[in-house]
Amino acid sequence: MKPKKTNIKIKRRKYNLYNKKKSKSRQVLSIVITIAAACVLGVVGYGVGKPIMNYLQNREQYVSGDSSSSSEQSSQGSQSSQNSAQESVDSSTAESSSSTSTSPEPVVTDGRMYVLPEDAAKSSASLSGALAAAKESGFGVAVVTLKNDDGMLYYKSEIPTAKDNEFIDGALTAEQICDYITKAGMIPAARISTLKDNKAPWIAGGYRIVSGGGWLDDYPDRGGKQWLSPFSADAVSYIGGICEELSGAGFKHIICKNTMYPVFHGVDITNYLNNLPLSDKTKRVEALWKAVDAAKAGAEKNGAQLWLEFDGKNVTADETSGTDAELCADKAKLANVNVIADYSAGGENAYQAALDFANKLKQSGGKNIAVLAKSGLSADAQKAFGEAGVEVFRES
């Protein structure tokens, strides 16, 4: 007998094991907790979220602050970088002048002089290179030659006699040269040849033979040259004008060399130049001192010190007539100027040789006395000069 089929109706209820139905009291508690949590999150979220939002909004500012100042805005930092880059390009391509923005180095307090190569001042490139070498020496005063033995001027002079003439061979003004030296941390000094000059005499006070025409120190086919004459008011004025121009430009020391006569032959004194007192020693010395006095007045007008440079062998010799130390015959005048004597070390006993030279040099006179070492001095020679109270300057 087959079993009787029975229809069984399955009753489905809305019931989930993972979501049990809460009682009314639990539902109320849940709502209260939810509202409280929302309040807490609102307060905390504002305190934490606002700085985060600010950071996100101003992220550029904080990032740029790591590489520059924390107070700069990102746009300002970017603009500053562009300006700096442009200034770097401009400074590398522009002609150097007294208005250059480079900050000066601290001035070296050492008062010793270092004479740069003769043509150092002719251009900014040569001057910069020479100053770099001078700085390494430790000397505090940089000496540039601005008028050489031929009378060439290594700067743009504004003196009427020299301005725009062919014997100007320099790209910089005196002020610019001073500015270069000062910004290198050194004190500027100038060196000029006074009467030994074969350029300016054609227009400013050279020797003139009595029959007319310019006097030369030798035959033309032997390279004879003119000289400036201390008996000429124009020549004396020219020398004084240069010293005044250089001191006005900022040079603190001016060294005058070759304040001397050329070698005259007997026929020059008795014939060609017999209108000049060349055989009178007193008048010769007086004429030389007129040139020195003009140079000294021009230097001191703007606070510069004047130095006279002599060949060491001449200034310590018993007879100085006809040499670059001829004007040392006037001891009273020499006592009011500074003296530099060129010195070359020699002999086996360097200490004694230097000491003997220093003592003779001091006897010659001079307000301040120094030697210019034409070559390297031994430690013994430097010791001797130090003991004698004589400064040692150096020539490159």
Protein backbone atom coordinates (compact mmCIF):
# COMPACT_ATOMS: atom_id res chain seq x y z
CA MET A 1 0.00 0.00 0.00
CA LYS A 2 1.50 3.36 -1.11
CA PRO A 3 1.99 5.94 1.58
CA LYS A 4 -0.42 8.81 1.47
CA LYS A 5 1.01 12.03 0.19
CA THR A 6 0.58 14.92 2.56
CA ASN A 7 1.08 18.55 1.51
CA ILE A 8 3.31 20.23 4.05
CA LYS A 9 3.34 24.04 3.94
CA ILE A 10 6.65 25.62 4.97
CA LYS A 11 6.15 28.90 6.74
CA ARG A 12 8.93 31.42 5.99
CA ARG A 13 9.77 34.04 8.59
CA LYS A 14 11.78 37.25 8.15
CA TYR A 15 14.54 36.21 10.45
CA ASN A 16 18.36 36.49 9.96
CA LEU A 17 20.93 34.83 12.15
CA TYR A 18 23.36 37.76 11.45
CA ASN A 19 20.87 40.47 12.33
CA LYS A 20 19.01 39.62 15.39
CA LYS A 21 16.04 41.75 16.09
CA LYS A 22 16.76 44.26 18.84
CA SER A 23 14.45 45.10 21.62
CA LYS A 24 13.03 48.59 21.81
CA SER A 25 15.31 49.57 24.71
CA ARG A 26 18.37 48.41 22.82
CA GLN A 27 17.29 50.39 19.77
CA VAL A 28 17.00 53.60 21.82
CA LEU A 29 20.43 53.01 23.38
CA SER A 30 21.95 52.46 19.94
CA ILE A 31 20.56 55.75 18.65
CA VAL A 32 21.95 57.66 21.63
CA ILE A 33 25.39 56.12 21.17
CA THR A 34 25.33 56.91 17.47
CA ILE A 35 24.47 60.57 18.08
CA ALA A 36 27.21 60.87 20.73
CA ALA A 37 29.78 59.30 18.42
CA ALA A 38 28.84 61.69 15.64
CA CYS A 39 29.37 64.66 17.95
CA VAL A 40 32.77 63.37 19.05
CA LEU A 41 33.87 62.74 15.47
CA GLY A 42 32.70 66.20 14.48
CA VAL A 43 34.83 67.87 17.11
CA VAL A 44 37.90 65.68 16.58
CA GLY A 45 37.52 65.78 12.83
CA TYR A 46 37.54 69.56 12.80
CA GLY A 47 40.67 69.70 14.97
CA VAL A 48 42.56 67.10 12.96
CA GLY A 49 41.02 67.56 9.57
CA LYS A 50 41.52 71.31 9.28
CA PRO A 51 45.36 71.17 9.52
CA ILE A 52 45.33 68.30 7.03
CA MET A 53 43.19 70.28 4.63
CA ASN A 54 45.39 73.32 5.10
CA TYR A 55 48.47 71.25 4.36
CA LEU A 56 46.90 69.82 1.21
CA GLN A 57 45.81 73.24 0.04
CA ASN A 58 49.20 74.88 0.79
CA ARG A 59 51.45 71.96 0.07
CA GLU A 60 53.49 74.03 -2.42
CA GLN A 61 54.37 76.49 0.33
CA TYR A 62 55.64 73.86 2.73
CA VAL A 63 57.67 72.07 0.08
CA SER A 64 59.45 75.26 -1.06
CA GLY A 65 60.09 76.13 2.56
CA ASP A 66 62.44 73.14 2.88
CA SER A 67 64.82 74.56 0.28
CA SER A 68 64.48 78.27 1.10
CA SER A 69 63.09 80.38 3.90
CA SER A 70 60.01 79.07 5.72
CA SER A 71 58.40 82.48 5.41
CA GLU A 72 58.60 82.63 1.59
CA GLN A 73 55.60 81.79 -0.55
CA SER A 74 56.14 79.27 -3.32
CA SER A 75 55.61 81.83 -6.04
CA GLN A 76 58.13 84.18 -4.42
CA GLY A 77 60.71 81.41 -4.11
CA SER A 78 60.30 80.55 -7.77
CA GLN A 79 60.64 84.17 -8.84
CA SER A 80 63.73 84.61 -6.63
CA SER A 81 65.39 81.59 -8.23
CA GLN A 82 64.74 82.98 -11.69
CA ASN A 83 66.14 86.37 -10.71
CA SER A 84 69.27 84.80 -9.18
CA ALA A 85 69.89 82.79 -12.31
CA GLN A 86 69.54 85.88 -14.48
CA GLU A 87 71.87 87.87 -12.27
CA SER A 88 74.47 85.11 -12.49
CA VAL A 89 74.35 85.22 -16.28
CA ASP A 90 74.55 89.02 -16.34
CA SER A 91 77.53 89.15 -13.96
CA SER A 92 79.48 86.64 -16.01
CA THR A 93 78.99 88.51 -19.26
CA ALA A 94 78.99 92.17 -18.23
CA GLU A 95 82.16 94.27 -18.25
CA SER A 96 83.57 94.60 -14.74
CA SER A 97 83.51 98.14 -13.36
CA SER A 98 83.52 100.08 -10.12
CA SER A 99 79.79 99.40 -9.78
CA THR A 100 80.22 95.61 -9.62
CA SER A 101 78.00 94.00 -6.97
CA THR A 102 80.65 91.64 -5.62
CA SER A 103 81.09 92.11 -1.90
CA PRO A 104 84.63 93.16 -0.97
CA GLU A 105 86.80 90.76 0.95
CA PRO A 106 88.13 91.84 4.36
CA VAL A 107 91.12 94.12 3.88
CA VAL A 108 94.43 92.50 4.79
CA THR A 109 96.05 94.44 7.62
CA ASP A 110 99.60 93.60 6.52
CA GLY A 111 101.16 96.89 5.34
CA ARG A 112 103.83 95.34 3.14
CA MET A 113 103.71 95.96 -0.60
CA TYR A 114 103.49 93.38 -3.36
CA VAL A 115 104.38 94.70 -6.82
CA LEU A 116 102.25 93.06 -9.52
CA PRO A 117 103.59 92.28 -13.02
CA GLU A 118 104.14 95.47 -15.02
CA ASP A 119 101.20 95.04 -17.38
CA ALA A 120 98.75 93.73 -14.76
CA ALA A 121 96.51 96.81 -14.87
CA LYS A 122 96.01 96.82 -18.65
CA SER A 123 92.80 94.77 -18.48
CA SER A 124 90.35 93.32 -15.98
CA ALA A 125 91.43 89.77 -16.83
CA SER A 126 95.15 90.37 -16.23
CA LEU A 127 94.44 92.35 -13.07
CA SER A 128 92.17 89.68 -11.58
CA GLY A 129 94.77 86.97 -12.20
CA ALA A 130 97.60 89.03 -10.72
CA LEU A 131 95.56 89.91 -7.63
CA ALA A 132 94.78 86.26 -6.99
CA ALA A 133 98.50 85.51 -6.83
CA ALA A 134 99.14 88.57 -4.67
CA LYS A 135 96.52 87.47 -2.14
CA GLU A 136 98.33 84.18 -1.65
CA SER A 137 101.51 86.03 -0.70
CA GLY A 138 99.88 87.46 2.42
CA PHE A 139 100.98 91.02 1.60
CA GLY A 140 98.35 93.69 2.16
CA VAL A 141 99.23 96.35 -0.44
CA ALA A 142 98.95 95.65 -4.18
CA VAL A 143 101.16 97.85 -6.39
CA VAL A 144 100.19 98.32 -10.04
CA THR A 145 102.37 100.02 -12.64
CA LEU A 146 100.32 102.78 -14.27
CA LYS A 147 103.13 104.57 -16.16
CA ASN A 148 106.01 102.45 -17.40
CA ASP A 149 109.59 103.35 -18.31
CA ASP A 150 108.53 104.29 -21.85
CA GLY A 151 105.80 106.61 -20.61
CA MET A 152 102.87 104.33 -21.54
CA LEU A 153 99.84 104.80 -19.30
CA TYR A 154 98.09 101.59 -18.28
CA TYR A 155 94.85 103.33 -17.38
CA LYS A 156 92.38 105.74 -18.99
CA SER A 157 93.72 109.10 -17.88
CA GLU A 158 91.60 112.24 -18.02
CA ILE A 159 94.57 114.63 -17.82
CA PRO A 160 94.37 116.97 -20.85
CA THR A 161 97.96 116.18 -21.84
CA ALA A 162 97.30 112.44 -21.89
CA LYS A 163 93.58 112.06 -22.62
CA ASP A 164 92.86 110.24 -25.89
CA ASN A 165 96.57 110.06 -26.77
CA GLU A 166 98.21 107.04 -28.32
CA PHE A 167 100.34 106.37 -25.24
CA ILE A 168 97.28 105.28 -23.23
CA ASP A 169 97.32 101.49 -23.22
CA GLY A 170 94.74 100.46 -20.64
CA ALA A 171 91.09 99.38 -20.70
CA LEU A 172 90.22 100.48 -17.15
CA THR A 173 89.97 103.82 -15.39
CA ALA A 174 92.03 104.54 -12.29
CA GLU A 175 88.86 104.25 -10.19
CA GLN A 176 88.05 100.82 -11.62
CA ILE A 177 91.57 99.56 -10.92
CA CYS A 178 91.29 100.76 -7.32
CA ASP A 179 87.92 99.08 -7.02
CA TYR A 180 89.32 95.73 -8.19
CA ILE A 181 92.16 95.89 -5.67
CA THR A 182 89.93 96.98 -2.80
CA LYS A 183 87.38 94.25 -3.47
CA ALA A 184 90.20 91.72 -3.47
CA GLY A 185 90.84 92.77 0.13
CA MET A 186 94.06 94.70 -0.55
CA ILE A 187 95.13 98.34 -0.37
CA PRO A 188 95.73 99.97 -3.79
CA ALA A 189 99.11 101.51 -4.64
CA ALA A 190 100.37 102.92 -7.95
CA ARG A 191 103.86 102.97 -9.45
CA ILE A 192 104.93 105.46 -12.11
CA SER A 193 108.09 106.31 -14.01
CA THR A 194 108.48 110.07 -13.73
CA LEU A 195 111.18 111.59 -15.98
CA LYS A 196 112.14 108.50 -17.93
CA ASP A 197 109.38 108.87 -20.51
CA ASN A 198 109.74 108.98 -24.29
CA LYS A 199 106.02 109.45 -25.08
CA ALA A 200 104.87 112.65 -23.35
CA PRO A 201 107.98 114.78 -24.13
CA TRP A 202 106.69 115.40 -27.64
CA ILE A 203 103.83 117.42 -26.18
CA ALA A 204 104.77 118.09 -22.56
CA GLY A 205 108.21 119.31 -21.59
CA GLY A 206 110.97 117.29 -23.20
CA TYR A 207 114.56 118.47 -23.63
CA ARG A 208 114.93 120.92 -26.53
CA ILE A 209 118.24 121.62 -28.22
CA VAL A 210 119.13 125.29 -28.52
CA SER A 211 118.95 125.26 -32.32
CA GLY A 212 115.45 123.79 -32.22
CA GLY A 213 114.02 120.29 -32.17
CA GLY A 214 113.78 117.58 -29.58
CA TRP A 215 116.87 116.20 -27.88
CA LEU A 216 117.45 112.43 -27.94
CA ASP A 217 119.64 110.39 -25.61
CA ASP A 218 121.33 108.75 -28.60
CA TYR A 219 121.35 108.82 -32.39
CA PRO A 220 117.94 107.98 -33.90
CA ASP A 221 119.32 104.94 -35.74
CA ARG A 222 120.56 103.62 -32.39
CA GLY A 223 117.18 103.92 -30.76
CA GLY A 224 117.65 107.39 -29.27
CA LYS A 225 114.72 108.55 -27.15
CA GLN A 226 113.41 111.69 -25.53
CA TRP A 227 113.05 112.30 -21.79
CA LEU A 228 110.91 114.61 -19.70
CA SER A 229 112.94 117.52 -18.35
CA PRO A 230 112.66 118.62 -14.69
CA PHE A 231 113.56 122.13 -15.92
CA SER A 232 110.25 122.24 -17.82
CA ALA A 233 107.21 123.56 -15.99
CA ASP A 234 104.99 121.52 -18.33
CA ALA A 235 106.80 118.30 -17.44
CA VAL A 236 106.62 119.02 -13.71
CA SER A 237 102.90 119.83 -14.03
CA TYR A 238 102.29 116.61 -15.96
CA ILE A 239 103.88 114.49 -13.23
CA GLY A 240 101.99 116.30 -10.49
CA GLY A 241 98.73 115.96 -12.42
CA ILE A 242 99.11 112.20 -12.73
CA CYS A 243 99.77 111.81 -8.99
CA GLU A 244 96.77 113.96 -8.15
CA GLU A 245 94.56 111.97 -10.50
CA LEU A 246 95.68 108.66 -9.00
CA SER A 247 95.29 109.77 -5.39
CA GLY A 248 91.85 111.13 -6.24
CA ALA A 249 90.92 107.76 -7.70
CA GLY A 250 91.62 106.07 -4.36
CA PHE A 251 95.27 104.95 -4.44
CA LYS A 252 96.75 105.14 -0.94
CA HIS A 253 100.41 104.97 -2.00
CA ILE A 254 102.16 106.35 -5.09
CA ILE A 255 105.67 105.17 -5.92
CA CYS A 256 107.81 107.38 -8.18
CA LYS A 257 110.81 105.84 -9.89
CA ASN A 258 113.28 107.12 -12.50
CA THR A 259 113.31 110.66 -11.13
CA MET A 260 116.64 111.21 -12.80
CA TYR A 261 118.56 112.64 -15.71
CA PRO A 262 119.56 110.73 -18.81
CA VAL A 263 123.25 110.27 -19.50
CA PHE A 264 124.52 113.49 -21.05
CA HIS A 265 127.62 113.60 -23.21
CA GLY A 266 130.07 116.45 -23.10
CA VAL A 267 128.77 117.91 -26.34
CA ASP A 268 125.23 117.95 -24.92
CA ILE A 269 126.28 120.06 -21.94
CA THR A 270 128.53 122.44 -23.85
CA ASN A 271 126.56 122.70 -27.08
CA TYR A 272 123.13 121.19 -27.64
CA LEU A 273 121.73 121.89 -24.16
CA ASN A 274 124.01 124.69 -23.00
CA ASN A 275 120.95 126.73 -21.96
CA LEU A 276 120.43 124.38 -19.03
CA PRO A 277 122.59 124.28 -15.85
CA LEU A 278 123.54 120.65 -16.35
CA SER A 279 127.03 121.12 -14.96
CA ASP A 280 125.75 122.69 -11.73
CA LYS A 281 125.13 119.94 -9.17
CA THR A 282 123.06 122.10 -6.85
CA LYS A 283 120.73 123.30 -9.58
CA ARG A 284 120.43 119.82 -10.97
CA VAL A 285 119.26 118.50 -7.59
CA GLU A 286 116.89 121.44 -7.13
CA ALA A 287 115.27 120.75 -10.50
CA LEU A 288 114.77 117.08 -9.64
CA TRP A 289 113.10 118.04 -6.39
CA LYS A 290 110.66 120.30 -8.25
CA ALA A 291 109.34 117.16 -9.94
CA VAL A 292 109.22 115.31 -6.60
CA ASP A 293 107.49 118.22 -4.85
CA ALA A 294 104.80 118.31 -7.57
CA ALA A 295 104.29 114.55 -7.25
CA LYS A 296 104.14 114.78 -3.46
CA ALA A 297 101.61 117.62 -3.55
CA GLY A 298 99.43 115.69 -6.00
CA ALA A 299 99.57 112.53 -3.89
CA GLU A 300 98.95 114.19 -0.55
CA LYS A 301 96.09 116.32 -1.89
CA ASN A 302 93.87 113.26 -1.54
CA GLY A 303 95.61 111.57 1.37
CA ALA A 304 98.07 109.29 -0.46
CA GLN A 305 101.66 108.70 0.65
CA LEU A 306 104.53 109.32 -1.75
CA TRP A 307 107.42 106.88 -2.06
CA LEU A 308 110.65 107.34 -4.03
CA GLU A 309 112.12 104.19 -5.50
CA PHE A 310 115.87 103.89 -6.11
CA ASP A 311 118.28 101.28 -7.33
CA GLY A 312 119.81 99.91 -4.14
CA LYS A 313 123.37 100.13 -5.44
CA ASN A 314 122.92 103.82 -6.29
CA VAL A 315 121.24 105.00 -3.10
CA THR A 316 123.97 103.43 -0.93
CA ALA A 317 126.85 104.60 -3.11
CA ASP A 318 129.23 107.39 -2.10
CA GLU A 319 128.63 109.27 -5.37
CA THR A 320 125.02 109.54 -6.55
CA SER A 321 125.34 112.20 -9.28
CA GLY A 322 124.08 111.00 -12.64
CA THR A 323 122.08 108.13 -11.08
CA ASP A 324 118.47 107.72 -10.04
CA ALA A 325 119.59 108.58 -6.48
CA GLU A 326 121.01 112.01 -7.37
CA LEU A 327 118.23 113.83 -5.54
CA CYS A 328 119.27 112.09 -2.30
CA ALA A 329 121.94 114.79 -2.04
CA ASP A 330 119.30 116.95 -0.34
CA LYS A 331 118.98 115.12 2.99
CA ALA A 332 116.52 117.63 4.44
CA LYS A 333 113.97 117.05 1.69
CA LEU A 334 114.56 113.30 1.61
CA ALA A 335 113.63 113.12 5.29
CA ASN A 336 110.04 114.06 4.37
CA VAL A 337 109.39 111.26 1.88
CA ASN A 338 109.35 107.47 2.04
CA VAL A 339 112.17 105.53 0.40
CA ILE A 340 112.20 102.14 -1.33
CA ALA A 341 115.50 100.60 -2.44
CA ASP A 342 115.62 97.72 -4.89
CA TYR A 343 117.65 94.86 -3.43
CA SER A 344 118.97 91.65 -4.91
CA ALA A 345 120.35 89.10 -2.50
CA GLY A 346 123.92 88.04 -3.12
CA GLY A 347 127.07 86.76 -1.47
CA GLU A 348 127.69 83.86 0.82
CA ASN A 349 126.77 85.56 4.08
CA ALA A 350 123.22 86.71 3.28
CA TYR A 351 122.60 87.89 6.83
CA GLN A 352 125.62 90.17 7.02
CA ALA A 353 125.15 91.48 3.47
CA ALA A 354 121.55 92.44 4.20
CA LEU A 355 122.48 94.01 7.55
CA ASP A 356 125.25 96.13 5.96
CA PHE A 357 122.89 97.26 3.21
CA ALA A 358 120.17 98.18 5.71
CA ASN A 359 122.56 100.30 7.76
CA LYS A 360 123.80 102.21 4.68
CA LEU A 361 120.24 102.70 3.48
CA LYS A 362 119.19 104.20 6.80
CA GLN A 363 122.08 106.65 6.63
CA SER A 364 120.84 107.93 3.27
CA GLY A 365 117.70 109.28 4.93
CA GLY A 366 114.01 108.84 4.35
CA LYS A 367 110.87 109.14 6.43
CA ASN A 368 110.11 105.41 6.16
CA ILE A 369 112.52 102.94 4.60
CA ALA A 370 111.87 99.65 2.83
CA VAL A 371 113.64 97.32 0.45
CA LEU A 372 112.04 95.81 -2.64
CA ALA A 373 113.22 92.25 -3.06
CA LYS A 374 113.90 91.68 -6.75
CA SER A 375 114.37 87.98 -6.05
CA GLY A 376 113.61 85.66 -3.20
CA LEU A 377 115.30 86.53 0.08
CA SER A 378 116.71 83.92 2.39
CA ALA A 379 115.46 83.64 5.93
CA ASP A 380 118.78 85.09 7.15
CA ALA A 381 118.43 88.17 4.95
CA GLN A 382 114.87 88.75 6.09
CA LYS A 383 116.00 88.37 9.68
CA ALA A 384 118.70 91.01 9.17
CA PHE A 385 116.28 93.53 7.67
CA GLY A 386 113.82 92.86 10.47
CA GLU A 387 116.45 93.51 13.11
CA ALA A 388 117.44 96.73 11.34
CA GLY A 389 113.83 97.92 11.27
CA VAL A 390 113.59 97.91 7.46
CA GLU A 391 110.42 96.62 5.81
CA VAL A 392 110.74 94.07 3.02
CA PHE A 393 108.48 94.49 -0.01
CA ARG A 394 108.25 91.97 -2.82
CA GLU A 395 108.12 92.12 -6.59
CA SER A 396 106.37 89.32 -8.48
